[in-house]
Amino acid sequence: MPRLFVRRPSSRLAERELTHLDRVPVDAALALAQWCAYVEVFPVFAGVAEEHGTAMVVLDDETVLMSADAPATAAEHCARGLEVVSVDVSEFEKLEGCVTCLSVRVRD
């Protein structure tokens, strides 16, 4: 069964801007509506509280790679039966990077 891990938009989202494209104000209401739509579509939904808890790389059916900056989320994944490989990417996170940004999937 597919799983979806999505962080609920912060109440402070409207104070932020998108930085990977043109710098524009964020539409917080639209972001919340999109988040609610994700929740409705996926049969298994697990919200995460930590900012870096949603960024992960699936290594295999039972193992994920994620930031060491999300220990509570890692513990939740372990409790669900996933093996978690945590790595320190704090310097990249300062520049809005994450484990998914630093990963490339190579297919055989």
C-alpha atoms as a PDB file:
ATOM      1  CA  MET A   1       0.000   0.000   0.000  1.00  0.00           C
ATOM      2  CA  PRO A   2       1.454   3.427  -0.902  1.00  0.00           C
ATOM      3  CA  ARG A   3       2.443   5.722   1.949  1.00  0.00           C
ATOM      4  CA  LEU A   4       2.593   9.484   1.908  1.00  0.00           C
ATOM      5  CA  PHE A   5       4.531  11.609   4.373  1.00  0.00           C
ATOM      6  CA  VAL A   6       3.599  15.271   4.119  1.00  0.00           C
ATOM      7  CA  ARG A   7       4.214  18.072   6.586  1.00  0.00           C
ATOM      8  CA  ARG A   8       1.168  20.256   7.206  1.00  0.00           C
ATOM      9  CA  PRO A   9       1.880  23.831   6.070  1.00  0.00           C
ATOM     10  CA  SER A  10       3.102  25.998   8.928  1.00  0.00           C
ATOM     11  CA  SER A  11       0.886  28.769  10.227  1.00  0.00           C
ATOM     12  CA  ARG A  12       3.867  31.031   9.369  1.00  0.00           C
ATOM     13  CA  LEU A  13       3.936  29.951   5.708  1.00  0.00           C
ATOM     14  CA  ALA A  14       2.548  33.278   4.478  1.00  0.00           C
ATOM     15  CA  GLU A  15       5.666  34.991   5.863  1.00  0.00           C
ATOM     16  CA  ARG A  16       7.917  33.023   3.504  1.00  0.00           C
ATOM     17  CA  GLU A  17       8.776  33.135  -0.162  1.00  0.00           C
ATOM     18  CA  LEU A  18       9.633  30.490  -2.719  1.00  0.00           C
ATOM     19  CA  THR A  19      13.340  30.742  -3.436  1.00  0.00           C
ATOM     20  CA  HIS A  20      14.051  28.076  -6.045  1.00  0.00           C
ATOM     21  CA  LEU A  21      12.077  29.943  -8.702  1.00  0.00           C
ATOM     22  CA  ASP A  22      11.302  33.620  -8.917  1.00  0.00           C
ATOM     23  CA  ARG A  23      10.935  35.159  -5.463  1.00  0.00           C
ATOM     24  CA  VAL A  24       7.193  35.502  -5.039  1.00  0.00           C
ATOM     25  CA  PRO A  25       4.890  35.583  -2.023  1.00  0.00           C
ATOM     26  CA  VAL A  26       3.539  32.188  -0.984  1.00  0.00           C
ATOM     27  CA  ASP A  27      -0.210  31.634  -1.179  1.00  0.00           C
ATOM     28  CA  ALA A  28      -0.699  30.009   2.258  1.00  0.00           C
ATOM     29  CA  ALA A  29      -4.394  29.281   1.667  1.00  0.00           C
ATOM     30  CA  LEU A  30      -3.609  27.493  -1.593  1.00  0.00           C
ATOM     31  CA  ALA A  31      -0.803  25.512   0.072  1.00  0.00           C
ATOM     32  CA  LEU A  32      -3.195  24.349   2.788  1.00  0.00           C
ATOM     33  CA  ALA A  33      -5.828  23.411   0.190  1.00  0.00           C
ATOM     34  CA  GLN A  34      -3.232  21.410  -1.751  1.00  0.00           C
ATOM     35  CA  TRP A  35      -2.120  19.662   1.440  1.00  0.00           C
ATOM     36  CA  CYS A  36      -5.742  18.724   2.212  1.00  0.00           C
ATOM     37  CA  ALA A  37      -6.098  17.322  -1.315  1.00  0.00           C
ATOM     38  CA  TYR A  38      -3.038  15.097  -0.787  1.00  0.00           C
ATOM     39  CA  VAL A  39      -4.546  13.789   2.442  1.00  0.00           C
ATOM     40  CA  GLU A  40      -7.789  12.873   0.659  1.00  0.00           C
ATOM     41  CA  VAL A  41      -6.071  11.042  -2.216  1.00  0.00           C
ATOM     42  CA  PHE A  42      -3.721   8.720  -0.327  1.00  0.00           C
ATOM     43  CA  PRO A  43      -5.149   5.793   1.669  1.00  0.00           C
ATOM     44  CA  VAL A  44      -2.365   5.933   4.267  1.00  0.00           C
ATOM     45  CA  PHE A  45      -1.399   9.352   5.507  1.00  0.00           C
ATOM     46  CA  ALA A  46       1.206  10.116   8.130  1.00  0.00           C
ATOM     47  CA  GLY A  47       1.789  13.735   9.027  1.00  0.00           C
ATOM     48  CA  VAL A  48       5.199  14.741  10.329  1.00  0.00           C
ATOM     49  CA  ALA A  49       5.920  17.582  12.712  1.00  0.00           C
ATOM     50  CA  GLU A  50       9.530  18.355  11.840  1.00  0.00           C
ATOM     51  CA  GLU A  51      10.468  20.589   8.954  1.00  0.00           C
ATOM     52  CA  HIS A  52      13.008  18.151   7.522  1.00  0.00           C
ATOM     53  CA  GLY A  53      10.904  15.078   8.244  1.00  0.00           C
ATOM     54  CA  THR A  54       9.294  14.896   4.810  1.00  0.00           C
ATOM     55  CA  ALA A  55      12.517  14.858   2.806  1.00  0.00           C
ATOM     56  CA  MET A  56      13.577  11.262   2.365  1.00  0.00           C
ATOM     57  CA  VAL A  57      14.987   8.958  -0.246  1.00  0.00           C
ATOM     58  CA  VAL A  58      13.529   5.471  -0.555  1.00  0.00           C
ATOM     59  CA  LEU A  59      16.483   3.077  -0.699  1.00  0.00           C
ATOM     60  CA  ASP A  60      14.403  -0.112  -0.916  1.00  0.00           C
ATOM     61  CA  ASP A  61      11.003  -1.398   0.218  1.00  0.00           C
ATOM     62  CA  GLU A  62      11.982  -1.216   3.886  1.00  0.00           C
ATOM     63  CA  THR A  63      14.708   1.475   4.103  1.00  0.00           C
ATOM     64  CA  VAL A  64      14.676   5.263   3.811  1.00  0.00           C
ATOM     65  CA  LEU A  65      17.440   7.868   3.964  1.00  0.00           C
ATOM     66  CA  MET A  66      16.630  11.083   5.776  1.00  0.00           C
ATOM     67  CA  SER A  67      18.062  14.067   7.618  1.00  0.00           C
ATOM     68  CA  ALA A  68      19.419  13.582  11.117  1.00  0.00           C
ATOM     69  CA  ASP A  69      17.559  16.824  11.918  1.00  0.00           C
ATOM     70  CA  ALA A  70      14.263  14.917  12.184  1.00  0.00           C
ATOM     71  CA  PRO A  71      14.763  12.349  14.965  1.00  0.00           C
ATOM     72  CA  ALA A  72      11.099  12.218  16.021  1.00  0.00           C
ATOM     73  CA  THR A  73      10.009  11.531  12.446  1.00  0.00           C
ATOM     74  CA  ALA A  74      12.724   8.875  12.117  1.00  0.00           C
ATOM     75  CA  ALA A  75      11.412   7.222  15.287  1.00  0.00           C
ATOM     76  CA  GLU A  76       7.871   7.232  13.842  1.00  0.00           C
ATOM     77  CA  HIS A  77       9.126   5.557  10.660  1.00  0.00           C
ATOM     78  CA  CYS A  78      10.991   2.933  12.704  1.00  0.00           C
ATOM     79  CA  ALA A  79       7.814   2.258  14.678  1.00  0.00           C
ATOM     80  CA  ARG A  80       6.035   1.643  11.355  1.00  0.00           C
ATOM     81  CA  GLY A  81       8.639  -0.971  10.461  1.00  0.00           C
ATOM     82  CA  LEU A  82      10.920   1.080   8.224  1.00  0.00           C
ATOM     83  CA  GLU A  83      14.682   1.096   8.647  1.00  0.00           C
ATOM     84  CA  VAL A  84      15.952   4.671   8.753  1.00  0.00           C
ATOM     85  CA  VAL A  85      19.419   5.770   7.701  1.00  0.00           C
ATOM     86  CA  SER A  86      19.980   9.267   9.145  1.00  0.00           C
ATOM     87  CA  VAL A  87      22.637  11.576   7.741  1.00  0.00           C
ATOM     88  CA  ASP A  88      23.797  15.027   8.793  1.00  0.00           C
ATOM     89  CA  VAL A  89      23.017  17.412   5.952  1.00  0.00           C
ATOM     90  CA  SER A  90      22.687  20.508   8.143  1.00  0.00           C
ATOM     91  CA  GLU A  91      24.953  22.671   5.992  1.00  0.00           C
ATOM     92  CA  PHE A  92      22.851  21.905   2.910  1.00  0.00           C
ATOM     93  CA  GLU A  93      19.639  22.527   4.870  1.00  0.00           C
ATOM     94  CA  LYS A  94      20.871  26.038   5.666  1.00  0.00           C
ATOM     95  CA  LEU A  95      20.667  26.659   1.913  1.00  0.00           C
ATOM     96  CA  GLU A  96      17.243  24.941   1.590  1.00  0.00           C
ATOM     97  CA  GLY A  97      18.782  21.677   0.400  1.00  0.00           C
ATOM     98  CA  CYS A  98      17.827  18.218   1.610  1.00  0.00           C
ATOM     99  CA  VAL A  99      18.568  14.527   1.048  1.00  0.00           C
ATOM    100  CA  THR A 100      16.277  14.412  -1.985  1.00  0.00           C
ATOM    101  CA  CYS A 101      18.124  17.337  -3.593  1.00  0.00           C
ATOM    102  CA  LEU A 102      21.431  15.556  -3.058  1.00  0.00           C
ATOM    103  CA  SER A 103      20.278  12.208  -4.476  1.00  0.00           C
ATOM    104  CA  VAL A 104      20.217  10.798  -7.961  1.00  0.00           C
ATOM    105  CA  ARG A 105      18.406   7.579  -8.745  1.00  0.00           C
ATOM    106  CA  VAL A 106      20.402   5.292 -11.006  1.00  0.00           C
ATOM    107  CA  ARG A 107      18.486   2.501 -12.700  1.00  0.00           C
ATOM    108  CA  ASP A 108      20.062  -0.734 -13.885  1.00  0.00           C
END
